Amino acid sequence: MKYPDDEPHSHVFDFSNPGAERRTRQVMWLTAAMMVVEIVAGTVLGSMALLADGWHMSSHALALAGCASVGPRSVPVDRFDYSTAIADSWKEQTLLNIVKIRYNDLPNGCR
């Protein structure tokens, strides 16, 4: 049986998309604004749920800020493609299982 993923294809993606970066910044500012609204409303109304959600949302705002500021432009293209990484991990796992069998331990996946 032939699968669509059997066809050779590239795992290099476009790392220059100013529109996506702009939209990521817009989402970051919207998230930060909603965070402030929830924290203020939770404080004024005495709602622990709103306060907790607002502070939790700050982690999302920080993560989005990191994505918007660091962005894909600063991430180098990996020197391995996906199939090479999978093949290397398979070889390493096989070697580890051989060593485990040698020392009378069960290989991974046999427990």
Foldseek 3Di string as FASTA:
>chain_A
DDDPVVDDDFPDDDQDDVVVLVVLVVVLVVLLVQLVVLCVCCVVVVPPVSNVVSVVSVVVSVVSVCCNPCHSVVPDDDPDTDVVVVVVVVVVLVVVQVVCVVVVHHRPPPD
